[in-house]
PDB file of N, CA and C in Angstrom:
ATOM      1  N   MET A   1       0.845  -1.192   0.000  1.00  0.00           N
ATOM      2  CA  MET A   1       0.000   0.000   0.000  1.00  0.00           C
ATOM      3  C   MET A   1       0.880   1.241   0.000  1.00  0.00           C
ATOM      4  N   ASP A   2       0.430   2.253  -0.704  1.00  0.00           N
ATOM      5  CA  ASP A   2       1.192   3.501  -0.704  1.00  0.00           C
ATOM      6  C   ASP A   2       0.755   4.367   0.474  1.00  0.00           C
ATOM      7  N   GLY A   3       1.549   5.354   0.811  1.00  0.00           N
ATOM      8  CA  GLY A   3       1.303   6.159   2.000  1.00  0.00           C
ATOM      9  C   GLY A   3       0.819   7.565   1.727  1.00  0.00           C
ATOM     10  N   THR A   4      -0.039   7.748   0.710  1.00  0.00           N
ATOM     11  CA  THR A   4      -0.503   9.096   0.383  1.00  0.00           C
ATOM     12  C   THR A   4      -1.824   9.463   1.060  1.00  0.00           C
ATOM     13  N   VAL A   5      -2.485   8.494   1.695  1.00  0.00           N
ATOM     14  CA  VAL A   5      -3.774   8.740   2.348  1.00  0.00           C
ATOM     15  C   VAL A   5      -3.614   8.600   3.855  1.00  0.00           C
ATOM     16  N   ARG A   6      -3.922   9.675   4.588  1.00  0.00           N
ATOM     17  CA  ARG A   6      -3.696   9.717   6.041  1.00  0.00           C
ATOM     18  C   ARG A   6      -4.536   8.678   6.790  1.00  0.00           C
ATOM     19  N   SER A   7      -5.754   8.431   6.337  1.00  0.00           N
ATOM     20  CA  SER A   7      -6.653   7.515   7.049  1.00  0.00           C
ATOM     21  C   SER A   7      -6.162   6.067   7.048  1.00  0.00           C
ATOM     22  N   LYS A   8      -5.242   5.724   6.142  1.00  0.00           N
ATOM     23  CA  LYS A   8      -4.694   4.361   6.094  1.00  0.00           C
ATOM     24  C   LYS A   8      -3.597   4.148   7.122  1.00  0.00           C
ATOM     25  N   LEU A   9      -3.079   5.240   7.704  1.00  0.00           N
ATOM     26  CA  LEU A   9      -1.974   5.145   8.660  1.00  0.00           C
ATOM     27  C   LEU A   9      -2.477   5.168  10.086  1.00  0.00           C
ATOM     28  N   LYS A  10      -1.835   4.365  10.927  1.00  0.00           N
ATOM     29  CA  LYS A  10      -2.137   4.316  12.357  1.00  0.00           C
ATOM     30  C   LYS A  10      -0.817   4.294  13.124  1.00  0.00           C
ATOM     31  N   ILE A  11      -0.841   4.780  14.352  1.00  0.00           N
ATOM     32  CA  ILE A  11       0.334   4.747  15.213  1.00  0.00           C
ATOM     33  C   ILE A  11       0.749   3.280  15.409  1.00  0.00           C
ATOM     34  N   GLY A  12       2.036   3.013  15.304  1.00  0.00           N
ATOM     35  CA  GLY A  12       2.560   1.661  15.492  1.00  0.00           C
ATOM     36  C   GLY A  12       2.671   0.840  14.221  1.00  0.00           C
ATOM     37  N   MET A  13       2.167   1.356  13.093  1.00  0.00           N
ATOM     38  CA  MET A  13       2.252   0.618  11.827  1.00  0.00           C
ATOM     39  C   MET A  13       3.694   0.559  11.333  1.00  0.00           C
ATOM     40  N   GLU A  14       4.000  -0.524  10.640  1.00  0.00           N
ATOM     41  CA  GLU A  14       5.318  -0.712  10.033  1.00  0.00           C
ATOM     42  C   GLU A  14       5.294  -0.067   8.652  1.00  0.00           C
ATOM     43  N   VAL A  15       6.240   0.854   8.400  1.00  0.00           N
ATOM     44  CA  VAL A  15       6.260   1.599   7.145  1.00  0.00           C
ATOM     45  C   VAL A  15       7.679   1.738   6.597  1.00  0.00           C
ATOM     46  N   GLN A  16       7.740   2.122   5.329  1.00  0.00           N
ATOM     47  CA  GLN A  16       8.987   2.502   4.669  1.00  0.00           C
ATOM     48  C   GLN A  16       8.850   3.986   4.353  1.00  0.00           C
ATOM     49  N   ILE A  17       9.806   4.809   4.802  1.00  0.00           N
ATOM     50  CA  ILE A  17       9.750   6.244   4.525  1.00  0.00           C
ATOM     51  C   ILE A  17      10.980   6.675   3.747  1.00  0.00           C
ATOM     52  N   VAL A  18      10.882   7.836   3.106  1.00  0.00           N
ATOM     53  CA  VAL A  18      12.050   8.453   2.487  1.00  0.00           C
ATOM     54  C   VAL A  18      12.364   9.701   3.302  1.00  0.00           C
ATOM     55  N   LEU A  19      13.597   9.767   3.786  1.00  0.00           N
ATOM     56  CA  LEU A  19      14.050  10.923   4.557  1.00  0.00           C
ATOM     57  C   LEU A  19      14.305  12.090   3.619  1.00  0.00           C
ATOM     58  N   LYS A  20      14.253  13.320   4.144  1.00  0.00           N
ATOM     59  CA  LYS A  20      14.509  14.511   3.336  1.00  0.00           C
ATOM     60  C   LYS A  20      15.868  14.407   2.639  1.00  0.00           C
ATOM     61  N   SER A  21      16.873  13.939   3.371  1.00  0.00           N
ATOM     62  CA  SER A  21      18.224  13.828   2.808  1.00  0.00           C
ATOM     63  C   SER A  21      18.329  12.738   1.735  1.00  0.00           C
ATOM     64  N   ASP A  22      17.371  11.815   1.696  1.00  0.00           N
ATOM     65  CA  ASP A  22      17.398  10.710   0.733  1.00  0.00           C
ATOM     66  C   ASP A  22      16.416  10.892  -0.426  1.00  0.00           C
ATOM     67  N   GLN A  23      15.781  12.059  -0.527  1.00  0.00           N
ATOM     68  CA  GLN A  23      14.773  12.247  -1.569  1.00  0.00           C
ATOM     69  C   GLN A  23      15.338  12.101  -2.973  1.00  0.00           C
ATOM     70  N   ARG A  24      16.544  12.564  -3.196  1.00  0.00           N
ATOM     71  CA  ARG A  24      17.153  12.457  -4.533  1.00  0.00           C
ATOM     72  C   ARG A  24      17.504  11.010  -4.883  1.00  0.00           C
ATOM     73  N   THR A  25      17.966  10.246  -3.900  1.00  0.00           N
ATOM     74  CA  THR A  25      18.388   8.864  -4.157  1.00  0.00           C
ATOM     75  C   THR A  25      17.229   7.886  -4.050  1.00  0.00           C
ATOM     76  N   GLY A  26      16.201   8.238  -3.278  1.00  0.00           N
ATOM     77  CA  GLY A  26      15.053   7.348  -3.112  1.00  0.00           C
ATOM     78  C   GLY A  26      15.287   6.214  -2.127  1.00  0.00           C
ATOM     79  N   ILE A  27      16.357   6.308  -1.336  1.00  0.00           N
ATOM     80  CA  ILE A  27      16.649   5.269  -0.340  1.00  0.00           C
ATOM     81  C   ILE A  27      15.555   5.284   0.724  1.00  0.00           C
ATOM     82  N   LEU A  28      15.005   4.101   1.025  1.00  0.00           N
ATOM     83  CA  LEU A  28      13.921   3.995   1.999  1.00  0.00           C
ATOM     84  C   LEU A  28      14.453   3.586   3.367  1.00  0.00           C
ATOM     85  N   THR A  29      13.797   4.099   4.405  1.00  0.00           N
ATOM     86  CA  THR A  29      14.136   3.783   5.788  1.00  0.00           C
ATOM     87  C   THR A  29      12.944   3.063   6.401  1.00  0.00           C
ATOM     88  N   HIS A  30      13.216   1.963   7.084  1.00  0.00           N
ATOM     89  CA  HIS A  30      12.176   1.119   7.664  1.00  0.00           C
ATOM     90  C   HIS A  30      11.969   1.492   9.128  1.00  0.00           C
ATOM     91  N   GLY A  31      10.710   1.473   9.576  1.00  0.00           N
ATOM     92  CA  GLY A  31      10.449   1.741  10.983  1.00  0.00           C
ATOM     93  C   GLY A  31       8.974   1.677  11.323  1.00  0.00           C
ATOM     94  N   PHE A  32       8.656   2.080  12.551  1.00  0.00           N
ATOM     95  CA  PHE A  32       7.289   2.056  13.058  1.00  0.00           C
ATOM     96  C   PHE A  32       6.829   3.467  13.378  1.00  0.00           C
ATOM     97  N   VAL A  33       5.603   3.802  12.993  1.00  0.00           N
ATOM     98  CA  VAL A  33       5.059   5.153  13.151  1.00  0.00           C
ATOM     99  C   VAL A  33       4.865   5.487  14.633  1.00  0.00           C
ATOM    100  N   LYS A  34       5.462   6.605  15.038  1.00  0.00           N
ATOM    101  CA  LYS A  34       5.280   7.112  16.394  1.00  0.00           C
ATOM    102  C   LYS A  34       4.274   8.260  16.390  1.00  0.00           C
ATOM    103  N   GLN A  35       4.331   9.088  15.328  1.00  0.00           N
ATOM    104  CA  GLN A  35       3.465  10.268  15.246  1.00  0.00           C
ATOM    105  C   GLN A  35       3.198  10.583  13.778  1.00  0.00           C
ATOM    106  N   ILE A  36       1.957  10.970  13.469  1.00  0.00           N
ATOM    107  CA  ILE A  36       1.590  11.388  12.117  1.00  0.00           C
ATOM    108  C   ILE A  36       1.631  12.909  12.095  1.00  0.00           C
ATOM    109  N   LEU A  37       2.470  13.479  11.226  1.00  0.00           N
ATOM    110  CA  LEU A  37       2.703  14.919  11.222  1.00  0.00           C
ATOM    111  C   LEU A  37       1.846  15.685  10.213  1.00  0.00           C
ATOM    112  N   THR A  38       1.480  15.066   9.102  1.00  0.00           N
ATOM    113  CA  THR A  38       0.659  15.732   8.092  1.00  0.00           C
ATOM    114  C   THR A  38      -0.781  15.825   8.587  1.00  0.00           C
ATOM    115  N   LYS A  39      -1.361  17.024   8.496  1.00  0.00           N
ATOM    116  CA  LYS A  39      -2.733  17.238   8.966  1.00  0.00           C
ATOM    117  C   LYS A  39      -3.773  17.012   7.863  1.00  0.00           C
ATOM    118  N   SER A  40      -3.391  17.223   6.601  1.00  0.00           N
ATOM    119  CA  SER A  40      -4.356  17.072   5.503  1.00  0.00           C
ATOM    120  C   SER A  40      -4.694  15.591   5.280  1.00  0.00           C
ATOM    121  N   PRO A  41      -5.881  15.295   4.713  1.00  0.00           N
ATOM    122  CA  PRO A  41      -6.301  13.901   4.522  1.00  0.00           C
ATOM    123  C   PRO A  41      -5.452  13.112   3.523  1.00  0.00           C
ATOM    124  N   ASN A  42      -4.774  13.803   2.602  1.00  0.00           N
ATOM    125  CA  ASN A  42      -3.874  13.119   1.671  1.00  0.00           C
ATOM    126  C   ASN A  42      -2.773  14.075   1.222  1.00  0.00           C
ATOM    127  N   HIS A  43      -1.710  13.506   0.684  1.00  0.00           N
ATOM    128  CA  HIS A  43      -0.578  14.292   0.191  1.00  0.00           C
ATOM    129  C   HIS A  43       0.057  13.500  -0.948  1.00  0.00           C
ATOM    130  N   PRO A  44       0.270  14.131  -2.109  1.00  0.00           N
ATOM    131  CA  PRO A  44       0.770  13.397  -3.281  1.00  0.00           C
ATOM    132  C   PRO A  44       2.161  12.785  -3.103  1.00  0.00           C
ATOM    133  N   HIS A  45       2.987  13.339  -2.223  1.00  0.00           N
ATOM    134  CA  HIS A  45       4.342  12.809  -2.026  1.00  0.00           C
ATOM    135  C   HIS A  45       4.438  11.885  -0.822  1.00  0.00           C
ATOM    136  N   GLY A  46       3.333  11.657  -0.130  1.00  0.00           N
ATOM    137  CA  GLY A  46       3.326  10.782   1.037  1.00  0.00           C
ATOM    138  C   GLY A  46       3.068  11.568   2.308  1.00  0.00           C
ATOM    139  N   ILE A  47       2.425  10.920   3.252  1.00  0.00           N
ATOM    140  CA  ILE A  47       2.117  11.527   4.542  1.00  0.00           C
ATOM    141  C   ILE A  47       3.406  11.584   5.371  1.00  0.00           C
ATOM    142  N   LYS A  48       3.666  12.744   5.975  1.00  0.00           N
ATOM    143  CA  LYS A  48       4.882  12.899   6.786  1.00  0.00           C
ATOM    144  C   LYS A  48       4.642  12.313   8.176  1.00  0.00           C
ATOM    145  N   VAL A  49       5.581  11.469   8.601  1.00  0.00           N
ATOM    146  CA  VAL A  49       5.480  10.821   9.910  1.00  0.00           C
ATOM    147  C   VAL A  49       6.816  10.889  10.646  1.00  0.00           C
ATOM    148  N   LYS A  50       6.734  10.674  11.954  1.00  0.00           N
ATOM    149  CA  LYS A  50       7.918  10.520  12.791  1.00  0.00           C
ATOM    150  C   LYS A  50       7.950   9.068  13.229  1.00  0.00           C
ATOM    151  N   LEU A  51       9.099   8.421  13.037  1.00  0.00           N
ATOM    152  CA  LEU A  51       9.257   7.029  13.433  1.00  0.00           C
ATOM    153  C   LEU A  51       9.641   6.942  14.909  1.00  0.00           C
ATOM    154  N   GLU A  52       9.518   5.744  15.476  1.00  0.00           N
ATOM    155  CA  GLU A  52       9.917   5.512  16.872  1.00  0.00           C
ATOM    156  C   GLU A  52      11.407   5.799  17.076  1.00  0.00           C
ATOM    157  N   SER A  53      12.187   5.709  16.006  1.00  0.00           N
ATOM    158  CA  SER A  53      13.626   5.996  16.074  1.00  0.00           C
ATOM    159  C   SER A  53      13.908   7.499  16.085  1.00  0.00           C
ATOM    160  N   GLY A  54      12.867   8.323  15.834  1.00  0.00           N
ATOM    161  CA  GLY A  54      13.021   9.773  15.816  1.00  0.00           C
ATOM    162  C   GLY A  54      13.197  10.357  14.432  1.00  0.00           C
ATOM    163  N   GLU A  55      13.347   9.490  13.417  1.00  0.00           N
ATOM    164  CA  GLU A  55      13.525   9.967  12.046  1.00  0.00           C
ATOM    165  C   GLU A  55      12.188  10.447  11.480  1.00  0.00           C
ATOM    166  N   ILE A  56      12.259  11.501  10.657  1.00  0.00           N
ATOM    167  CA  ILE A  56      11.061  12.081  10.060  1.00  0.00           C
ATOM    168  C   ILE A  56      11.173  11.984   8.544  1.00  0.00           C
ATOM    169  N   GLY A  57      10.089  11.546   7.905  1.00  0.00           N
ATOM    170  CA  GLY A  57      10.075  11.447   6.457  1.00  0.00           C
ATOM    171  C   GLY A  57       8.678  11.175   5.951  1.00  0.00           C
ATOM    172  N   ARG A  58       8.563  11.030   4.637  1.00  0.00           N
ATOM    173  CA  ARG A  58       7.264  10.790   4.004  1.00  0.00           C
ATOM    174  C   ARG A  58       7.092   9.302   3.708  1.00  0.00           C
ATOM    175  N   VAL A  59       5.908   8.791   4.008  1.00  0.00           N
ATOM    176  CA  VAL A  59       5.611   7.367   3.832  1.00  0.00           C
ATOM    177  C   VAL A  59       5.532   7.045   2.336  1.00  0.00           C
ATOM    178  N   LYS A  60       6.322   6.082   1.919  1.00  0.00           N
ATOM    179  CA  LYS A  60       6.286   5.596   0.544  1.00  0.00           C
ATOM    180  C   LYS A  60       5.586   4.253   0.443  1.00  0.00           C
ATOM    181  N   GLU A  61       5.609   3.487   1.533  1.00  0.00           N
ATOM    182  CA  GLU A  61       4.993   2.159   1.510  1.00  0.00           C
ATOM    183  C   GLU A  61       4.576   1.759   2.925  1.00  0.00           C
ATOM    184  N   ILE A  62       3.380   1.187   3.019  1.00  0.00           N
ATOM    185  CA  ILE A  62       2.907   0.626   4.280  1.00  0.00           C
ATOM    186  C   ILE A  62       3.153  -0.876   4.197  1.00  0.00           C
ATOM    187  N   CYS A  63       3.902  -1.411   5.139  1.00  0.00           N
ATOM    188  CA  CYS A  63       4.219  -2.836   5.137  1.00  0.00           C
ATOM    189  C   CYS A  63       3.006  -3.626   5.621  1.00  0.00           C
ATOM    190  N   GLU A  64       2.723  -4.720   4.939  1.00  0.00           N
ATOM    191  CA  GLU A  64       1.604  -5.568   5.302  1.00  0.00           C
ATOM    192  C   GLU A  64       1.917  -6.318   6.591  1.00  0.00           C
ATOM    193  N   ALA A  65       0.926  -6.475   7.443  1.00  0.00           N
ATOM    194  CA  ALA A  65       1.100  -7.227   8.693  1.00  0.00           C
ATOM    195  C   ALA A  65       1.355  -8.699   8.349  1.00  0.00           C
ATOM    196  N   SER A  66       2.363  -9.263   9.013  1.00  0.00           N
ATOM    197  CA  SER A  66       2.693 -10.659   8.709  1.00  0.00           C
ATOM    198  C   SER A  66       2.245 -11.575   9.827  1.00  0.00           C
TER     199      SER A  66
END
């Protein structure tokens, strides 16, 4: 699932984000959502979140629960 719709995200979900510093390379960072920062219901580049590790970036992929 892609991360452009805020209603699909919940605290504690496993996601892949792109950090601001990695936007040009597209390198993804894996983690768990601690806080949802984007207030609008959707965003074309991905909803901005803060991971439990403290990293902030835009969600590119929501990992399926295994």
